[in-house]
């Protein structure tokens, strides 16, 4: 259980670092550390408002997310990029 918690913490930390570096590159921010508090606040806000309990989290993850995320990211965007590659 301790290993699972440690690995989860490391995974979240790596994702958070990737978001900070990506945003600082995208917006050409000289000090990426200036983005840590705003991004952390947004993540905290969304983590508290998306699902209030485990049952709601599972319901959203099994019914809503496949339609909103999986279909566009796994079907629509790759197919569109493939069509654009063939046209070019």
PDB file of N, CA and C in Angstrom:
ATOM      1  N   UNK A   1       0.822  -1.182   0.000  1.00  0.00           N
ATOM      2  CA  UNK A   1       0.000   0.000   0.000  1.00  0.00           C
ATOM      3  C   UNK A   1       0.871   1.251   0.000  1.00  0.00           C
ATOM      4  N   UNK A   2       1.959   1.205   0.754  1.00  0.00           N
ATOM      5  CA  UNK A   2       2.863   2.359   0.791  1.00  0.00           C
ATOM      6  C   UNK A   2       3.484   2.591  -0.574  1.00  0.00           C
ATOM      7  N   UNK A   3       3.872   1.513  -1.243  1.00  0.00           N
ATOM      8  CA  UNK A   3       4.448   1.644  -2.580  1.00  0.00           C
ATOM      9  C   UNK A   3       3.430   2.233  -3.550  1.00  0.00           C
ATOM     10  N   UNK A   4       2.179   1.835  -3.433  1.00  0.00           N
ATOM     11  CA  UNK A   4       1.132   2.374  -4.305  1.00  0.00           C
ATOM     12  C   UNK A   4       0.948   3.871  -4.091  1.00  0.00           C
ATOM     13  N   UNK A   5       0.976   4.309  -2.849  1.00  0.00           N
ATOM     14  CA  UNK A   5       0.839   5.735  -2.548  1.00  0.00           C
ATOM     15  C   UNK A   5       2.050   6.511  -3.066  1.00  0.00           C
ATOM     16  N   UNK A   6       3.251   5.955  -2.882  1.00  0.00           N
ATOM     17  CA  UNK A   6       4.455   6.635  -3.352  1.00  0.00           C
ATOM     18  C   UNK A   6       4.461   6.741  -4.870  1.00  0.00           C
ATOM     19  N   UNK A   7       4.109   5.663  -5.556  1.00  0.00           N
ATOM     20  CA  UNK A   7       4.072   5.688  -7.019  1.00  0.00           C
ATOM     21  C   UNK A   7       2.998   6.662  -7.511  1.00  0.00           C
ATOM     22  N   UNK A   8       1.870   6.706  -6.840  1.00  0.00           N
ATOM     23  CA  UNK A   8       0.827   7.666  -7.209  1.00  0.00           C
ATOM     24  C   UNK A   8       1.295   9.097  -7.042  1.00  0.00           C
ATOM     25  N   UNK A   9       1.989   9.368  -5.950  1.00  0.00           N
ATOM     26  CA  UNK A   9       2.522  10.715  -5.718  1.00  0.00           C
ATOM     27  C   UNK A   9       3.539  11.092  -6.785  1.00  0.00           C
ATOM     28  N   UNK A  10       4.425  10.169  -7.142  1.00  0.00           N
ATOM     29  CA  UNK A  10       5.424  10.439  -8.172  1.00  0.00           C
ATOM     30  C   UNK A  10       4.751  10.689  -9.516  1.00  0.00           C
ATOM     31  N   UNK A  11       3.732   9.906  -9.843  1.00  0.00           N
ATOM     32  CA  UNK A  11       3.017  10.073 -11.109  1.00  0.00           C
ATOM     33  C   UNK A  11       2.343  11.444 -11.177  1.00  0.00           C
ATOM     34  N   UNK A  12       1.669  11.832 -10.120  1.00  0.00           N
ATOM     35  CA  UNK A  12       1.025  13.142 -10.095  1.00  0.00           C
ATOM     36  C   UNK A  12       2.057  14.254 -10.181  1.00  0.00           C
ATOM     37  N   UNK A  13       3.180  14.081  -9.509  1.00  0.00           N
ATOM     38  CA  UNK A  13       4.239  15.097  -9.553  1.00  0.00           C
ATOM     39  C   UNK A  13       4.813  15.245 -10.956  1.00  0.00           C
ATOM     40  N   UNK A  14       5.020  14.142 -11.647  1.00  0.00           N
ATOM     41  CA  UNK A  14       5.549  14.199 -13.021  1.00  0.00           C
ATOM     42  C   UNK A  14       4.544  14.871 -13.944  1.00  0.00           C
ATOM     43  N   UNK A  15       3.272  14.530 -13.817  1.00  0.00           N
ATOM     44  CA  UNK A  15       2.247  15.169 -14.648  1.00  0.00           C
ATOM     45  C   UNK A  15       2.163  16.670 -14.359  1.00  0.00           C
ATOM     46  N   UNK A  16       2.229  17.046 -13.095  1.00  0.00           N
ATOM     47  CA  UNK A  16       2.183  18.457 -12.719  1.00  0.00           C
ATOM     48  C   UNK A  16       3.386  19.202 -13.291  1.00  0.00           C
ATOM     49  N   UNK A  17       4.562  18.596 -13.198  1.00  0.00           N
ATOM     50  CA  UNK A  17       5.766  19.204 -13.758  1.00  0.00           C
ATOM     51  C   UNK A  17       5.641  19.363 -15.277  1.00  0.00           C
ATOM     52  N   UNK A  18       5.090  18.353 -15.940  1.00  0.00           N
ATOM     53  CA  UNK A  18       4.909  18.425 -17.392  1.00  0.00           C
ATOM     54  C   UNK A  18       3.951  19.547 -17.776  1.00  0.00           C
ATOM     55  N   UNK A  19       2.898  19.739 -17.000  1.00  0.00           N
ATOM     56  CA  UNK A  19       1.958  20.832 -17.269  1.00  0.00           C
ATOM     57  C   UNK A  19       2.642  22.183 -17.092  1.00  0.00           C
ATOM     58  N   UNK A  20       3.402  22.329 -16.047  1.00  0.00           N
ATOM     59  CA  UNK A  20       4.097  23.593 -15.780  1.00  0.00           C
ATOM     60  C   UNK A  20       5.096  23.898 -16.891  1.00  0.00           C
ATOM     61  N   UNK A  21       5.904  22.917 -17.273  1.00  0.00           N
ATOM     62  CA  UNK A  21       6.894  23.133 -18.334  1.00  0.00           C
ATOM     63  C   UNK A  21       6.198  23.398 -19.669  1.00  0.00           C
ATOM     64  N   UNK A  22       5.132  22.666 -19.955  1.00  0.00           N
ATOM     65  CA  UNK A  22       4.401  22.880 -21.203  1.00  0.00           C
ATOM     66  C   UNK A  22       3.775  24.259 -21.283  1.00  0.00           C
ATOM     67  N   UNK A  23       3.146  24.696 -20.210  1.00  0.00           N
ATOM     68  CA  UNK A  23       2.537  26.023 -20.200  1.00  0.00           C
ATOM     69  C   UNK A  23       3.581  27.128 -20.267  1.00  0.00           C
ATOM     70  N   UNK A  24       4.697  26.935 -19.581  1.00  0.00           N
ATOM     71  CA  UNK A  24       5.734  27.969 -19.637  1.00  0.00           C
ATOM     72  C   UNK A  24       6.347  28.048 -21.028  1.00  0.00           C
ATOM     73  N   UNK A  25       6.455  26.936 -21.726  1.00  0.00           N
ATOM     74  CA  UNK A  25       6.942  26.952 -23.101  1.00  0.00           C
ATOM     75  C   UNK A  25       5.912  27.570 -24.038  1.00  0.00           C
ATOM     76  N   UNK A  26       4.662  27.211 -23.841  1.00  0.00           N
ATOM     77  CA  UNK A  26       3.596  27.714 -24.709  1.00  0.00           C
ATOM     78  C   UNK A  26       3.424  29.221 -24.595  1.00  0.00           C
ATOM     79  N   UNK A  27       3.443  29.726 -23.376  1.00  0.00           N
ATOM     80  CA  UNK A  27       3.236  31.152 -23.152  1.00  0.00           C
ATOM     81  C   UNK A  27       4.533  31.935 -22.981  1.00  0.00           C
ATOM     82  N   UNK A  28       5.677  31.266 -23.189  1.00  0.00           N
ATOM     83  CA  UNK A  28       6.996  31.897 -23.120  1.00  0.00           C
ATOM     84  C   UNK A  28       7.219  32.635 -21.794  1.00  0.00           C
ATOM     85  N   UNK A  29       6.930  31.937 -20.709  1.00  0.00           N
ATOM     86  CA  UNK A  29       7.154  32.473 -19.372  1.00  0.00           C
ATOM     87  C   UNK A  29       8.604  32.187 -18.988  1.00  0.00           C
ATOM     88  N   UNK A  30       9.316  33.205 -18.533  1.00  0.00           N
ATOM     89  CA  UNK A  30      10.736  33.031 -18.220  1.00  0.00           C
ATOM     90  C   UNK A  30      10.960  32.202 -16.957  1.00  0.00           C
ATOM     91  N   UNK A  31      10.093  32.364 -15.965  1.00  0.00           N
ATOM     92  CA  UNK A  31      10.205  31.600 -14.724  1.00  0.00           C
ATOM     93  C   UNK A  31       9.022  30.643 -14.612  1.00  0.00           C
ATOM     94  N   UNK A  32       9.214  29.361 -14.916  1.00  0.00           N
ATOM     95  CA  UNK A  32       8.087  28.417 -14.815  1.00  0.00           C
ATOM     96  C   UNK A  32       7.530  28.293 -13.400  1.00  0.00           C
ATOM     97  N   UNK A  33       8.334  28.601 -12.395  1.00  0.00           N
ATOM     98  CA  UNK A  33       7.844  28.479 -11.018  1.00  0.00           C
ATOM     99  C   UNK A  33       6.726  29.480 -10.721  1.00  0.00           C
ATOM    100  N   UNK A  34       6.606  30.521 -11.551  1.00  0.00           N
ATOM    101  CA  UNK A  34       5.523  31.488 -11.355  1.00  0.00           C
ATOM    102  C   UNK A  34       4.162  30.883 -11.678  1.00  0.00           C
ATOM    103  N   UNK A  35       4.143  29.768 -12.396  1.00  0.00           N
ATOM    104  CA  UNK A  35       2.879  29.134 -12.774  1.00  0.00           C
ATOM    105  C   UNK A  35       2.414  28.059 -11.794  1.00  0.00           C
ATOM    106  N   UNK A  36       3.237  27.716 -10.812  1.00  0.00           N
ATOM    107  CA  UNK A  36       2.882  26.593  -9.944  1.00  0.00           C
ATOM    108  C   UNK A  36       1.641  26.860  -9.098  1.00  0.00           C
ATOM    109  N   UNK A  37       1.537  28.033  -8.493  1.00  0.00           N
ATOM    110  CA  UNK A  37       0.367  28.323  -7.660  1.00  0.00           C
ATOM    111  C   UNK A  37      -0.924  28.459  -8.480  1.00  0.00           C
ATOM    112  N   UNK A  38      -0.919  29.173  -9.620  1.00  0.00           N
ATOM    113  CA  UNK A  38      -2.168  29.228 -10.396  1.00  0.00           C
ATOM    114  C   UNK A  38      -2.605  27.864 -10.922  1.00  0.00           C
ATOM    115  N   UNK A  39      -1.669  27.081 -11.441  1.00  0.00           N
ATOM    116  CA  UNK A  39      -2.029  25.757 -11.964  1.00  0.00           C
ATOM    117  C   UNK A  39      -2.459  24.838 -10.821  1.00  0.00           C
ATOM    118  N   UNK A  40      -1.770  24.905  -9.695  1.00  0.00           N
ATOM    119  CA  UNK A  40      -2.159  24.101  -8.538  1.00  0.00           C
ATOM    120  C   UNK A  40      -3.544  24.456  -8.029  1.00  0.00           C
ATOM    121  N   UNK A  41      -3.874  25.745  -8.061  1.00  0.00           N
ATOM    122  CA  UNK A  41      -5.203  26.188  -7.633  1.00  0.00           C
ATOM    123  C   UNK A  41      -6.281  25.673  -8.578  1.00  0.00           C
ATOM    124  N   UNK A  42      -6.020  25.720  -9.869  1.00  0.00           N
ATOM    125  CA  UNK A  42      -6.989  25.216 -10.855  1.00  0.00           C
ATOM    126  C   UNK A  42      -7.181  23.712 -10.679  1.00  0.00           C
ATOM    127  N   UNK A  43      -6.102  22.982 -10.497  1.00  0.00           N
ATOM    128  CA  UNK A  43      -6.205  21.533 -10.299  1.00  0.00           C
ATOM    129  C   UNK A  43      -6.970  21.215  -9.022  1.00  0.00           C
ATOM    130  N   UNK A  44      -6.692  21.945  -7.949  1.00  0.00           N
ATOM    131  CA  UNK A  44      -7.411  21.737  -6.694  1.00  0.00           C
ATOM    132  C   UNK A  44      -8.897  22.024  -6.858  1.00  0.00           C
ATOM    133  N   UNK A  45      -9.240  23.117  -7.539  1.00  0.00           N
ATOM    134  CA  UNK A  45     -10.640  23.474  -7.752  1.00  0.00           C
ATOM    135  C   UNK A  45     -11.356  22.385  -8.549  1.00  0.00           C
ATOM    136  N   UNK A  46     -10.740  21.938  -9.659  1.00  0.00           N
ATOM    137  CA  UNK A  46     -11.388  20.908 -10.476  1.00  0.00           C
ATOM    138  C   UNK A  46     -11.478  19.569  -9.751  1.00  0.00           C
ATOM    139  N   UNK A  47     -10.480  19.242  -8.944  1.00  0.00           N
ATOM    140  CA  UNK A  47     -10.533  17.968  -8.234  1.00  0.00           C
ATOM    141  C   UNK A  47     -11.650  17.956  -7.193  1.00  0.00           C
ATOM    142  N   UNK A  48     -11.980  19.116  -6.656  1.00  0.00           N
ATOM    143  CA  UNK A  48     -13.060  19.176  -5.672  1.00  0.00           C
ATOM    144  C   UNK A  48     -14.439  19.280  -6.301  1.00  0.00           C
ATOM    145  N   UNK A  49     -14.539  19.818  -7.516  1.00  0.00           N
ATOM    146  CA  UNK A  49     -15.852  20.034  -8.117  1.00  0.00           C
ATOM    147  C   UNK A  49     -16.266  18.965  -9.116  1.00  0.00           C
ATOM    148  N   UNK A  50     -15.348  18.192  -9.630  1.00  0.00           N
ATOM    149  CA  UNK A  50     -15.706  17.217 -10.662  1.00  0.00           C
ATOM    150  C   UNK A  50     -16.580  16.111 -10.073  1.00  0.00           C
ATOM    151  N   UNK A  51     -16.150  15.501  -8.995  1.00  0.00           N
ATOM    152  CA  UNK A  51     -16.935  14.434  -8.379  1.00  0.00           C
ATOM    153  C   UNK A  51     -16.840  14.572  -6.865  1.00  0.00           C
ATOM    154  N   UNK A  52     -17.997  14.534  -6.232  1.00  0.00           N
ATOM    155  CA  UNK A  52     -18.003  14.729  -4.782  1.00  0.00           C
ATOM    156  C   UNK A  52     -17.796  13.436  -4.000  1.00  0.00           C
ATOM    157  N   UNK A  53     -18.024  12.274  -4.643  1.00  0.00           N
ATOM    158  CA  UNK A  53     -17.790  11.004  -3.959  1.00  0.00           C
ATOM    159  C   UNK A  53     -17.350   9.946  -4.973  1.00  0.00           C
ATOM    160  N   UNK A  54     -17.033   8.767  -4.488  1.00  0.00           N
ATOM    161  CA  UNK A  54     -16.485   7.715  -5.342  1.00  0.00           C
ATOM    162  C   UNK A  54     -17.527   7.223  -6.351  1.00  0.00           C
ATOM    163  N   UNK A  55     -18.759   7.085  -5.937  1.00  0.00           N
ATOM    164  CA  UNK A  55     -19.789   6.603  -6.851  1.00  0.00           C
ATOM    165  C   UNK A  55     -19.996   7.565  -8.013  1.00  0.00           C
ATOM    166  N   UNK A  56     -20.024   8.842  -7.719  1.00  0.00           N
ATOM    167  CA  UNK A  56     -20.172   9.839  -8.785  1.00  0.00           C
ATOM    168  C   UNK A  56     -18.952   9.834  -9.704  1.00  0.00           C
ATOM    169  N   UNK A  57     -17.777   9.658  -9.133  1.00  0.00           N
ATOM    170  CA  UNK A  57     -16.547   9.593  -9.913  1.00  0.00           C
ATOM    171  C   UNK A  57     -16.584   8.404 -10.877  1.00  0.00           C
ATOM    172  N   UNK A  58     -17.005   7.251 -10.400  1.00  0.00           N
ATOM    173  CA  UNK A  58     -17.085   6.070 -11.253  1.00  0.00           C
ATOM    174  C   UNK A  58     -18.144   6.226 -12.330  1.00  0.00           C
ATOM    175  N   UNK A  59     -19.288   6.810 -11.977  1.00  0.00           N
ATOM    176  CA  UNK A  59     -20.349   7.024 -12.961  1.00  0.00           C
ATOM    177  C   UNK A  59     -19.868   7.935 -14.078  1.00  0.00           C
ATOM    178  N   UNK A  60     -19.223   9.033 -13.725  1.00  0.00           N
ATOM    179  CA  UNK A  60     -18.716   9.950 -14.737  1.00  0.00           C
ATOM    180  C   UNK A  60     -17.620   9.299 -15.577  1.00  0.00           C
ATOM    181  N   UNK A  61     -16.765   8.512 -14.928  1.00  0.00           N
ATOM    182  CA  UNK A  61     -15.673   7.879 -15.646  1.00  0.00           C
ATOM    183  C   UNK A  61     -16.128   6.801 -16.604  1.00  0.00           C
ATOM    184  N   UNK A  62     -17.253   6.160 -16.312  1.00  0.00           N
ATOM    185  CA  UNK A  62     -17.722   5.079 -17.167  1.00  0.00           C
ATOM    186  C   UNK A  62     -18.767   5.503 -18.186  1.00  0.00           C
ATOM    187  N   UNK A  63     -19.475   6.602 -17.954  1.00  0.00           N
ATOM    188  CA  UNK A  63     -20.530   6.987 -18.882  1.00  0.00           C
ATOM    189  C   UNK A  63     -20.226   8.268 -19.658  1.00  0.00           C
ATOM    190  N   UNK A  64     -19.714   9.265 -18.995  1.00  0.00           N
ATOM    191  CA  UNK A  64     -19.531  10.574 -19.632  1.00  0.00           C
ATOM    192  C   UNK A  64     -18.182  10.680 -20.333  1.00  0.00           C
ATOM    193  N   UNK A  65     -17.125  10.249 -19.680  1.00  0.00           N
ATOM    194  CA  UNK A  65     -15.782  10.431 -20.233  1.00  0.00           C
ATOM    195  C   UNK A  65     -15.538   9.688 -21.534  1.00  0.00           C
ATOM    196  N   UNK A  66     -16.063   8.473 -21.733  1.00  0.00           N
ATOM    197  CA  UNK A  66     -15.831   7.840 -23.029  1.00  0.00           C
ATOM    198  C   UNK A  66     -16.378   8.664 -24.196  1.00  0.00           C
ATOM    199  N   UNK A  67     -17.507   9.320 -23.983  1.00  0.00           N
ATOM    200  CA  UNK A  67     -18.093  10.117 -25.056  1.00  0.00           C
ATOM    201  C   UNK A  67     -17.322  11.417 -25.253  1.00  0.00           C
ATOM    202  N   UNK A  68     -16.944  12.071 -24.172  1.00  0.00           N
ATOM    203  CA  UNK A  68     -16.294  13.375 -24.271  1.00  0.00           C
ATOM    204  C   UNK A  68     -14.811  13.293 -24.599  1.00  0.00           C
ATOM    205  N   UNK A  69     -14.125  12.257 -24.135  1.00  0.00           N
ATOM    206  CA  UNK A  69     -12.676  12.203 -24.326  1.00  0.00           C
ATOM    207  C   UNK A  69     -12.218  11.086 -25.246  1.00  0.00           C
ATOM    208  N   UNK A  70     -12.670   9.866 -25.018  1.00  0.00           N
ATOM    209  CA  UNK A  70     -12.104   8.739 -25.733  1.00  0.00           C
ATOM    210  C   UNK A  70     -12.454   8.755 -27.215  1.00  0.00           C
ATOM    211  N   UNK A  71     -13.699   9.025 -27.538  1.00  0.00           N
ATOM    212  CA  UNK A  71     -14.089   9.035 -28.957  1.00  0.00           C
ATOM    213  C   UNK A  71     -13.370  10.137 -29.724  1.00  0.00           C
ATOM    214  N   UNK A  72     -13.352  11.387 -29.232  1.00  0.00           N
ATOM    215  CA  UNK A  72     -12.610  12.399 -29.991  1.00  0.00           C
ATOM    216  C   UNK A  72     -11.111  12.125 -30.068  1.00  0.00           C
ATOM    217  N   UNK A  73     -10.492  11.762 -28.955  1.00  0.00           N
ATOM    218  CA  UNK A  73      -9.037  11.605 -28.941  1.00  0.00           C
ATOM    219  C   UNK A  73      -8.568  10.310 -29.593  1.00  0.00           C
ATOM    220  N   UNK A  74      -9.400   9.283 -29.637  1.00  0.00           N
ATOM    221  CA  UNK A  74      -8.981   8.013 -30.218  1.00  0.00           C
ATOM    222  C   UNK A  74      -9.508   7.793 -31.621  1.00  0.00           C
ATOM    223  N   UNK A  75     -10.537   8.512 -32.028  1.00  0.00           N
ATOM    224  CA  UNK A  75     -11.092   8.307 -33.363  1.00  0.00           C
ATOM    225  C   UNK A  75     -11.068   9.565 -34.225  1.00  0.00           C
ATOM    226  N   UNK A  76     -11.643  10.632 -33.731  1.00  0.00           N
ATOM    227  CA  UNK A  76     -11.840  11.821 -34.554  1.00  0.00           C
ATOM    228  C   UNK A  76     -10.520  12.511 -34.886  1.00  0.00           C
ATOM    229  N   UNK A  77      -9.720  12.812 -33.897  1.00  0.00           N
ATOM    230  CA  UNK A  77      -8.471  13.536 -34.134  1.00  0.00           C
ATOM    231  C   UNK A  77      -7.490  12.708 -34.963  1.00  0.00           C
ATOM    232  N   UNK A  78      -7.249  11.409 -34.661  1.00  0.00           N
ATOM    233  CA  UNK A  78      -6.338  10.655 -35.527  1.00  0.00           C
ATOM    234  C   UNK A  78      -6.830  10.536 -36.963  1.00  0.00           C
ATOM    235  N   UNK A  79      -8.137  10.326 -37.152  1.00  0.00           N
ATOM    236  CA  UNK A  79      -8.665  10.223 -38.506  1.00  0.00           C
ATOM    237  C   UNK A  79      -8.517  11.549 -39.256  1.00  0.00           C
ATOM    238  N   UNK A  80      -8.757  12.655 -38.579  1.00  0.00           N
ATOM    239  CA  UNK A  80      -8.583  13.969 -39.193  1.00  0.00           C
ATOM    240  C   UNK A  80      -7.126  14.210 -39.563  1.00  0.00           C
ATOM    241  N   UNK A  81      -6.215  13.871 -38.682  1.00  0.00           N
ATOM    242  CA  UNK A  81      -4.791  14.032 -38.983  1.00  0.00           C
ATOM    243  C   UNK A  81      -4.352  13.122 -40.124  1.00  0.00           C
ATOM    244  N   UNK A  82      -4.908  11.923 -40.196  1.00  0.00           N
ATOM    245  CA  UNK A  82      -4.596  11.020 -41.304  1.00  0.00           C
ATOM    246  C   UNK A  82      -5.080  11.590 -42.626  1.00  0.00           C
ATOM    247  N   UNK A  83      -6.280  12.154 -42.634  1.00  0.00           N
ATOM    248  CA  UNK A  83      -6.806  12.777 -43.862  1.00  0.00           C
ATOM    249  C   UNK A  83      -5.949  13.960 -44.282  1.00  0.00           C
ATOM    250  N   UNK A  84      -5.537  14.769 -43.322  1.00  0.00           N
ATOM    251  CA  UNK A  84      -4.685  15.923 -43.632  1.00  0.00           C
ATOM    252  C   UNK A  84      -3.338  15.461 -44.171  1.00  0.00           C
ATOM    253  N   UNK A  85      -2.785  14.383 -43.603  1.00  0.00           N
ATOM    254  CA  UNK A  85      -1.509  13.857 -44.091  1.00  0.00           C
ATOM    255  C   UNK A  85      -1.632  13.334 -45.523  1.00  0.00           C
ATOM    256  N   UNK A  86      -2.740  12.686 -45.837  1.00  0.00           N
ATOM    257  CA  UNK A  86      -2.940  12.193 -47.199  1.00  0.00           C
ATOM    258  C   UNK A  86      -3.117  13.342 -48.196  1.00  0.00           C
ATOM    259  N   UNK A  87      -3.796  14.399 -47.763  1.00  0.00           N
ATOM    260  CA  UNK A  87      -4.011  15.547 -48.651  1.00  0.00           C
ATOM    261  C   UNK A  87      -2.694  16.264 -48.919  1.00  0.00           C
ATOM    262  N   UNK A  88      -1.855  16.405 -47.902  1.00  0.00           N
ATOM    263  CA  UNK A  88      -0.557  17.063 -48.107  1.00  0.00           C
ATOM    264  C   UNK A  88       0.337  16.197 -48.943  1.00  0.00           C
TER     265      UNK A  88
END
